[in-house]
Amino acid sequence: MKWIPTGGLFVTGGIIGEVLKSNPHYFEGDNSEFMKAYYDKGRVSPILDKVPLFAVTVEDMGLRGARICAMRVRL
């Protein structure tokens, strides 16, 4: 929380995709288990209310990032 990501926090990785496929309700809604744990951070909770949370479900996120880096180096 050193830098407050007011533009959003993006949760990525293979586990997110698998959990969303098998049990999407784990992440959906403010009353879901994940969101309750996300907001239950004591004195930091009011800050987290201002940070939107996004679940990235694409499986090739690493390849997309590598492509962007390669294009930047090439130019």
Protein backbone atom coordinates (compact mmCIF):
# COMPACT_ATOMS: atom_id res chain seq x y z
CA MET A 1 0.00 0.00 0.00
CA LYS A 2 3.03 2.25 -0.36
CA TRP A 3 1.59 3.47 -3.67
CA ILE A 4 -2.18 3.59 -3.62
CA PRO A 5 -3.43 2.14 -6.93
CA THR A 6 -6.50 4.37 -7.35
CA GLY A 7 -6.75 3.29 -10.99
CA GLY A 8 -7.35 -0.26 -9.90
CA LEU A 9 -5.71 -3.39 -8.62
CA PHE A 10 -5.47 -6.22 -11.14
CA VAL A 11 -5.36 -9.79 -9.83
CA THR A 12 -3.84 -12.13 -12.41
CA GLY A 13 -2.46 -15.61 -12.68
CA GLY A 14 -3.55 -19.13 -13.42
CA ILE A 15 -5.23 -19.67 -10.07
CA ILE A 16 -7.65 -16.79 -10.66
CA GLY A 17 -8.83 -18.30 -13.94
CA GLU A 18 -9.25 -21.74 -12.41
CA VAL A 19 -11.19 -20.47 -9.40
CA LEU A 20 -13.45 -18.34 -11.58
CA LYS A 21 -14.22 -21.35 -13.79
CA SER A 22 -14.99 -23.70 -10.91
CA ASN A 23 -16.54 -21.27 -8.38
CA PRO A 24 -17.18 -17.78 -9.79
CA HIS A 25 -19.25 -16.75 -6.76
CA TYR A 26 -16.09 -16.78 -4.66
CA PHE A 27 -15.14 -13.42 -6.22
CA GLU A 28 -18.48 -11.92 -7.25
CA GLY A 29 -20.19 -9.24 -5.18
CA ASP A 30 -19.17 -7.25 -2.13
CA ASN A 31 -20.36 -10.04 0.18
CA SER A 32 -18.18 -12.75 -1.39
CA GLU A 33 -15.48 -14.42 0.70
CA PHE A 34 -12.69 -12.84 -1.32
CA MET A 35 -14.10 -9.32 -1.16
CA LYS A 36 -14.76 -9.59 2.57
CA ALA A 37 -11.10 -10.57 3.07
CA TYR A 38 -9.99 -7.79 0.68
CA TYR A 39 -11.85 -5.07 2.59
CA ASP A 40 -11.13 -6.44 6.09
CA LYS A 41 -7.75 -4.73 6.51
CA GLY A 42 -8.32 -2.66 9.64
CA ARG A 43 -7.26 0.96 9.35
CA VAL A 44 -6.41 0.54 5.65
CA SER A 45 -10.00 -0.47 4.78
CA PRO A 46 -11.21 3.09 3.97
CA ILE A 47 -8.40 3.40 1.42
CA LEU A 48 -9.32 0.08 -0.21
CA ASP A 49 -12.89 1.32 -0.68
CA LYS A 50 -11.44 3.71 -3.29
CA VAL A 51 -9.38 1.05 -5.11
CA PRO A 52 -11.33 -0.94 -7.71
CA LEU A 53 -10.39 -4.61 -7.99
CA PHE A 54 -10.25 -6.45 -11.32
CA ALA A 55 -9.76 -10.16 -12.00
CA VAL A 56 -7.81 -10.76 -15.21
CA THR A 57 -8.90 -14.06 -16.72
CA VAL A 58 -6.82 -14.30 -19.90
CA GLU A 59 -4.29 -17.11 -19.83
CA ASP A 60 -1.54 -15.44 -21.87
CA MET A 61 -0.89 -12.36 -19.75
CA GLY A 62 2.83 -13.14 -19.47
CA LEU A 63 3.18 -13.42 -23.24
CA ARG A 64 1.33 -10.15 -23.73
CA GLY A 65 3.67 -8.38 -21.32
CA ALA A 66 6.74 -9.91 -22.97
CA ARG A 67 5.49 -8.72 -26.36
CA ILE A 68 5.09 -5.14 -25.12
CA CYS A 69 8.62 -5.21 -23.63
CA ALA A 70 10.07 -6.61 -26.85
CA MET A 71 8.36 -3.95 -28.94
CA ARG A 72 9.73 -1.20 -26.68
CA VAL A 73 13.29 -2.55 -26.95
CA ARG A 74 13.03 -2.94 -30.72
CA LEU A 75 11.93 0.65 -31.25
